[in-house]
């Protein structure tokens, strides 16, 4: 799934390149900025879980044993947890009152590969942001096709280099 998150995060970073000036020079800001790319465009938009007890939800009871899908993509944009949830804020995760990302699960379902996945995504984003001359998307975001293989991600990211 890290392989799906890498192009998602690169897409967000290139879309918000103007907000990322100086992040490569500050480890905490860079880590925060990459976490923000994962919040904005999670490669795994929903995670399946099995109800272990009856769940009352909006007047309906979900019975024990039912499969439920938790929408991470929606949770990452929930205004009750994220101030200005649709705004890219590279410094969001440097603040102590920031909610935790749900992209890697939680509790007993927390992904064992989280640390490795974060490093892989960070290094890929670092390479793109450090490119000289700078890289920029050369295709309208709405025209980018998406694929679904162990998560969702852009099928391609056409870029150009500034001379």
C-alpha atoms as a PDB file:
ATOM      1  CA  UNK A   1       0.000   0.000   0.000  1.00  0.00           C
ATOM      2  CA  UNK A   2       2.974   2.348   0.395  1.00  0.00           C
ATOM      3  CA  UNK A   3       3.411   1.963  -3.350  1.00  0.00           C
ATOM      4  CA  UNK A   4      -0.080   3.407  -3.780  1.00  0.00           C
ATOM      5  CA  UNK A   5       0.445   6.191  -1.238  1.00  0.00           C
ATOM      6  CA  UNK A   6       3.649   7.446  -2.870  1.00  0.00           C
ATOM      7  CA  UNK A   7       2.000   8.760  -6.071  1.00  0.00           C
ATOM      8  CA  UNK A   8      -0.955  10.098  -4.052  1.00  0.00           C
ATOM      9  CA  UNK A   9       1.428  12.087  -1.846  1.00  0.00           C
ATOM     10  CA  UNK A  10       3.542  13.266  -4.783  1.00  0.00           C
ATOM     11  CA  UNK A  11       0.388  14.486  -6.530  1.00  0.00           C
ATOM     12  CA  UNK A  12      -0.648  16.534  -3.485  1.00  0.00           C
ATOM     13  CA  UNK A  13       2.887  17.879  -2.995  1.00  0.00           C
ATOM     14  CA  UNK A  14       3.086  19.023  -6.621  1.00  0.00           C
ATOM     15  CA  UNK A  15      -0.367  20.593  -6.422  1.00  0.00           C
ATOM     16  CA  UNK A  16       0.693  22.594  -3.337  1.00  0.00           C
ATOM     17  CA  UNK A  17       4.334  23.201  -4.195  1.00  0.00           C
ATOM     18  CA  UNK A  18       3.962  26.917  -3.397  1.00  0.00           C
ATOM     19  CA  UNK A  19       3.206  26.004   0.257  1.00  0.00           C
ATOM     20  CA  UNK A  20       6.296  23.809   0.579  1.00  0.00           C
ATOM     21  CA  UNK A  21       9.074  26.379   0.332  1.00  0.00           C
ATOM     22  CA  UNK A  22      11.713  25.581   2.939  1.00  0.00           C
ATOM     23  CA  UNK A  23      10.224  22.296   4.189  1.00  0.00           C
ATOM     24  CA  UNK A  24      13.253  20.297   3.042  1.00  0.00           C
ATOM     25  CA  UNK A  25      15.395  22.371   5.431  1.00  0.00           C
ATOM     26  CA  UNK A  26      13.289  21.557   8.512  1.00  0.00           C
ATOM     27  CA  UNK A  27      12.796  17.888   9.414  1.00  0.00           C
ATOM     28  CA  UNK A  28       9.693  18.477  11.581  1.00  0.00           C
ATOM     29  CA  UNK A  29       7.988  20.633   8.946  1.00  0.00           C
ATOM     30  CA  UNK A  30       8.854  18.145   6.199  1.00  0.00           C
ATOM     31  CA  UNK A  31       7.423  15.202   8.147  1.00  0.00           C
ATOM     32  CA  UNK A  32       4.313  17.269   8.862  1.00  0.00           C
ATOM     33  CA  UNK A  33       3.944  18.232   5.199  1.00  0.00           C
ATOM     34  CA  UNK A  34       4.164  14.598   4.083  1.00  0.00           C
ATOM     35  CA  UNK A  35       1.601  13.582   6.712  1.00  0.00           C
ATOM     36  CA  UNK A  36      -0.641  16.318   5.336  1.00  0.00           C
ATOM     37  CA  UNK A  37      -0.328  14.850   1.822  1.00  0.00           C
ATOM     38  CA  UNK A  38      -1.475  11.498   3.221  1.00  0.00           C
ATOM     39  CA  UNK A  39      -4.398  13.148   5.006  1.00  0.00           C
ATOM     40  CA  UNK A  40      -5.454  15.019   1.882  1.00  0.00           C
ATOM     41  CA  UNK A  41      -5.209  12.001  -0.469  1.00  0.00           C
ATOM     42  CA  UNK A  42      -5.182   8.652   1.342  1.00  0.00           C
ATOM     43  CA  UNK A  43      -4.453   5.708  -0.938  1.00  0.00           C
ATOM     44  CA  UNK A  44      -6.689   3.471   1.166  1.00  0.00           C
ATOM     45  CA  UNK A  45     -10.000   5.380   1.262  1.00  0.00           C
ATOM     46  CA  UNK A  46     -11.888   2.801   3.352  1.00  0.00           C
ATOM     47  CA  UNK A  47     -10.936   0.003   5.729  1.00  0.00           C
ATOM     48  CA  UNK A  48     -13.099  -3.042   6.477  1.00  0.00           C
ATOM     49  CA  UNK A  49     -13.891  -4.040  10.024  1.00  0.00           C
ATOM     50  CA  UNK A  50     -16.236  -6.588  11.591  1.00  0.00           C
ATOM     51  CA  UNK A  51     -18.699  -5.449  14.239  1.00  0.00           C
ATOM     52  CA  UNK A  52     -17.908  -7.323  17.471  1.00  0.00           C
ATOM     53  CA  UNK A  53     -20.936  -5.865  19.262  1.00  0.00           C
ATOM     54  CA  UNK A  54     -24.219  -4.380  18.044  1.00  0.00           C
ATOM     55  CA  UNK A  55     -23.706  -0.806  16.838  1.00  0.00           C
ATOM     56  CA  UNK A  56     -26.519   1.747  17.014  1.00  0.00           C
ATOM     57  CA  UNK A  57     -26.083   4.243  14.203  1.00  0.00           C
ATOM     58  CA  UNK A  58     -28.702   6.814  13.189  1.00  0.00           C
ATOM     59  CA  UNK A  59     -31.633   4.643  14.279  1.00  0.00           C
ATOM     60  CA  UNK A  60     -30.281   1.453  12.721  1.00  0.00           C
ATOM     61  CA  UNK A  61     -28.611  -1.439  14.511  1.00  0.00           C
ATOM     62  CA  UNK A  62     -25.617  -3.023  12.818  1.00  0.00           C
ATOM     63  CA  UNK A  63     -25.571  -6.632  14.083  1.00  0.00           C
ATOM     64  CA  UNK A  64     -22.577  -8.504  15.460  1.00  0.00           C
ATOM     65  CA  UNK A  65     -20.514 -10.075  12.686  1.00  0.00           C
ATOM     66  CA  UNK A  66     -21.500  -7.500  10.069  1.00  0.00           C
ATOM     67  CA  UNK A  67     -18.806  -6.126   7.803  1.00  0.00           C
ATOM     68  CA  UNK A  68     -18.542  -2.347   8.014  1.00  0.00           C
ATOM     69  CA  UNK A  69     -16.339  -0.075   5.956  1.00  0.00           C
ATOM     70  CA  UNK A  70     -14.807   2.905   7.725  1.00  0.00           C
ATOM     71  CA  UNK A  71     -14.240   5.720   5.258  1.00  0.00           C
ATOM     72  CA  UNK A  72     -10.760   7.061   5.973  1.00  0.00           C
ATOM     73  CA  UNK A  73     -11.045   9.572   3.100  1.00  0.00           C
ATOM     74  CA  UNK A  74     -14.089  11.136   4.751  1.00  0.00           C
ATOM     75  CA  UNK A  75     -12.590  10.987   8.256  1.00  0.00           C
ATOM     76  CA  UNK A  76      -9.491  12.825   6.984  1.00  0.00           C
ATOM     77  CA  UNK A  77     -11.752  15.716   5.882  1.00  0.00           C
ATOM     78  CA  UNK A  78     -14.067  15.769   8.916  1.00  0.00           C
ATOM     79  CA  UNK A  79     -14.400  19.396  10.035  1.00  0.00           C
ATOM     80  CA  UNK A  80     -15.063  18.317  13.632  1.00  0.00           C
ATOM     81  CA  UNK A  81     -11.526  16.864  13.783  1.00  0.00           C
ATOM     82  CA  UNK A  82      -9.597  18.997  11.263  1.00  0.00           C
ATOM     83  CA  UNK A  83      -9.773  22.811  11.192  1.00  0.00           C
ATOM     84  CA  UNK A  84     -10.203  23.915   7.564  1.00  0.00           C
ATOM     85  CA  UNK A  85     -10.098  20.288   6.397  1.00  0.00           C
ATOM     86  CA  UNK A  86      -9.965  21.055   2.666  1.00  0.00           C
ATOM     87  CA  UNK A  87      -7.008  23.443   3.001  1.00  0.00           C
ATOM     88  CA  UNK A  88      -3.490  22.064   2.554  1.00  0.00           C
ATOM     89  CA  UNK A  89      -1.575  23.022   5.699  1.00  0.00           C
ATOM     90  CA  UNK A  90       2.005  21.698   5.660  1.00  0.00           C
ATOM     91  CA  UNK A  91       2.482  22.687   9.309  1.00  0.00           C
ATOM     92  CA  UNK A  92      -0.727  21.029  10.569  1.00  0.00           C
ATOM     93  CA  UNK A  93       1.068  18.072  12.191  1.00  0.00           C
ATOM     94  CA  UNK A  94       3.616  20.257  14.012  1.00  0.00           C
ATOM     95  CA  UNK A  95       0.866  21.429  16.374  1.00  0.00           C
ATOM     96  CA  UNK A  96       0.246  19.294  19.488  1.00  0.00           C
ATOM     97  CA  UNK A  97      -3.561  19.592  19.282  1.00  0.00           C
ATOM     98  CA  UNK A  98      -3.737  18.022  15.804  1.00  0.00           C
ATOM     99  CA  UNK A  99      -5.775  14.847  15.413  1.00  0.00           C
ATOM    100  CA  UNK A 100      -3.937  11.631  14.553  1.00  0.00           C
ATOM    101  CA  UNK A 101      -3.995  10.200  11.059  1.00  0.00           C
ATOM    102  CA  UNK A 102      -6.243   7.173  10.720  1.00  0.00           C
ATOM    103  CA  UNK A 103      -4.566   6.059   7.475  1.00  0.00           C
ATOM    104  CA  UNK A 104      -2.569   3.359   9.262  1.00  0.00           C
ATOM    105  CA  UNK A 105      -5.396   2.106  11.467  1.00  0.00           C
ATOM    106  CA  UNK A 106      -5.491   2.280  15.242  1.00  0.00           C
ATOM    107  CA  UNK A 107      -5.280   0.081  18.318  1.00  0.00           C
ATOM    108  CA  UNK A 108      -4.916  -3.627  17.615  1.00  0.00           C
ATOM    109  CA  UNK A 109      -5.355  -2.869  13.908  1.00  0.00           C
ATOM    110  CA  UNK A 110      -2.429  -0.413  13.746  1.00  0.00           C
ATOM    111  CA  UNK A 111      -0.254  -1.229  10.727  1.00  0.00           C
ATOM    112  CA  UNK A 112       3.034  -2.886  11.696  1.00  0.00           C
ATOM    113  CA  UNK A 113       4.666  -1.380   8.615  1.00  0.00           C
ATOM    114  CA  UNK A 114       3.761   2.224   9.408  1.00  0.00           C
ATOM    115  CA  UNK A 115       7.320   3.397  10.103  1.00  0.00           C
ATOM    116  CA  UNK A 116       8.668   1.857   6.899  1.00  0.00           C
ATOM    117  CA  UNK A 117       5.748   3.160   4.835  1.00  0.00           C
ATOM    118  CA  UNK A 118       6.217   6.696   6.171  1.00  0.00           C
ATOM    119  CA  UNK A 119       9.933   6.601   5.346  1.00  0.00           C
ATOM    120  CA  UNK A 120       9.228   5.357   1.808  1.00  0.00           C
ATOM    121  CA  UNK A 121       6.642   8.074   1.186  1.00  0.00           C
ATOM    122  CA  UNK A 122       8.849  10.774   2.730  1.00  0.00           C
ATOM    123  CA  UNK A 123      11.882   9.822   0.647  1.00  0.00           C
ATOM    124  CA  UNK A 124       9.859   9.748  -2.586  1.00  0.00           C
ATOM    125  CA  UNK A 125       8.355  13.173  -1.857  1.00  0.00           C
ATOM    126  CA  UNK A 126      11.800  14.492  -0.837  1.00  0.00           C
ATOM    127  CA  UNK A 127      13.281  13.366  -4.165  1.00  0.00           C
ATOM    128  CA  UNK A 128      10.522  15.092  -6.131  1.00  0.00           C
ATOM    129  CA  UNK A 129      10.755  18.335  -4.145  1.00  0.00           C
ATOM    130  CA  UNK A 130      14.559  18.363  -4.303  1.00  0.00           C
ATOM    131  CA  UNK A 131      14.717  17.907  -8.082  1.00  0.00           C
ATOM    132  CA  UNK A 132      16.676  20.632  -9.842  1.00  0.00           C
ATOM    133  CA  UNK A 133      15.206  22.126 -11.928  1.00  0.00           C
ATOM    134  CA  UNK A 134      11.925  21.899  -9.993  1.00  0.00           C
ATOM    135  CA  UNK A 135       9.236  19.499 -11.184  1.00  0.00           C
ATOM    136  CA  UNK A 136       5.664  20.631 -11.833  1.00  0.00           C
ATOM    137  CA  UNK A 137       2.541  18.801 -12.945  1.00  0.00           C
ATOM    138  CA  UNK A 138       2.127  19.196 -16.685  1.00  0.00           C
ATOM    139  CA  UNK A 139      -1.363  17.709 -16.863  1.00  0.00           C
ATOM    140  CA  UNK A 140      -4.693  18.925 -15.547  1.00  0.00           C
ATOM    141  CA  UNK A 141      -5.408  17.006 -12.324  1.00  0.00           C
ATOM    142  CA  UNK A 142      -8.924  16.190 -13.566  1.00  0.00           C
ATOM    143  CA  UNK A 143      -7.387  14.349 -16.551  1.00  0.00           C
ATOM    144  CA  UNK A 144      -5.186  12.037 -14.478  1.00  0.00           C
ATOM    145  CA  UNK A 145      -6.453   8.436 -14.581  1.00  0.00           C
ATOM    146  CA  UNK A 146      -6.588   6.475 -11.330  1.00  0.00           C
ATOM    147  CA  UNK A 147      -5.927   2.787 -10.733  1.00  0.00           C
ATOM    148  CA  UNK A 148      -6.883   0.428  -7.944  1.00  0.00           C
ATOM    149  CA  UNK A 149      -4.183  -2.052  -6.874  1.00  0.00           C
ATOM    150  CA  UNK A 150      -3.705  -2.503  -3.109  1.00  0.00           C
ATOM    151  CA  UNK A 151      -5.154   0.949  -2.731  1.00  0.00           C
ATOM    152  CA  UNK A 152      -5.933   3.701  -5.188  1.00  0.00           C
ATOM    153  CA  UNK A 153      -3.415   5.976  -6.829  1.00  0.00           C
ATOM    154  CA  UNK A 154      -2.802   8.066  -9.914  1.00  0.00           C
ATOM    155  CA  UNK A 155      -1.942   5.789 -12.842  1.00  0.00           C
ATOM    156  CA  UNK A 156       0.535   8.411 -14.021  1.00  0.00           C
ATOM    157  CA  UNK A 157       1.930  11.770 -13.013  1.00  0.00           C
ATOM    158  CA  UNK A 158       3.107  13.742 -16.020  1.00  0.00           C
ATOM    159  CA  UNK A 159       5.625  16.354 -14.913  1.00  0.00           C
ATOM    160  CA  UNK A 160       7.866  18.926 -16.509  1.00  0.00           C
ATOM    161  CA  UNK A 161      11.016  20.570 -15.255  1.00  0.00           C
ATOM    162  CA  UNK A 162      11.484  24.301 -15.098  1.00  0.00           C
ATOM    163  CA  UNK A 163      14.628  25.350 -16.879  1.00  0.00           C
END
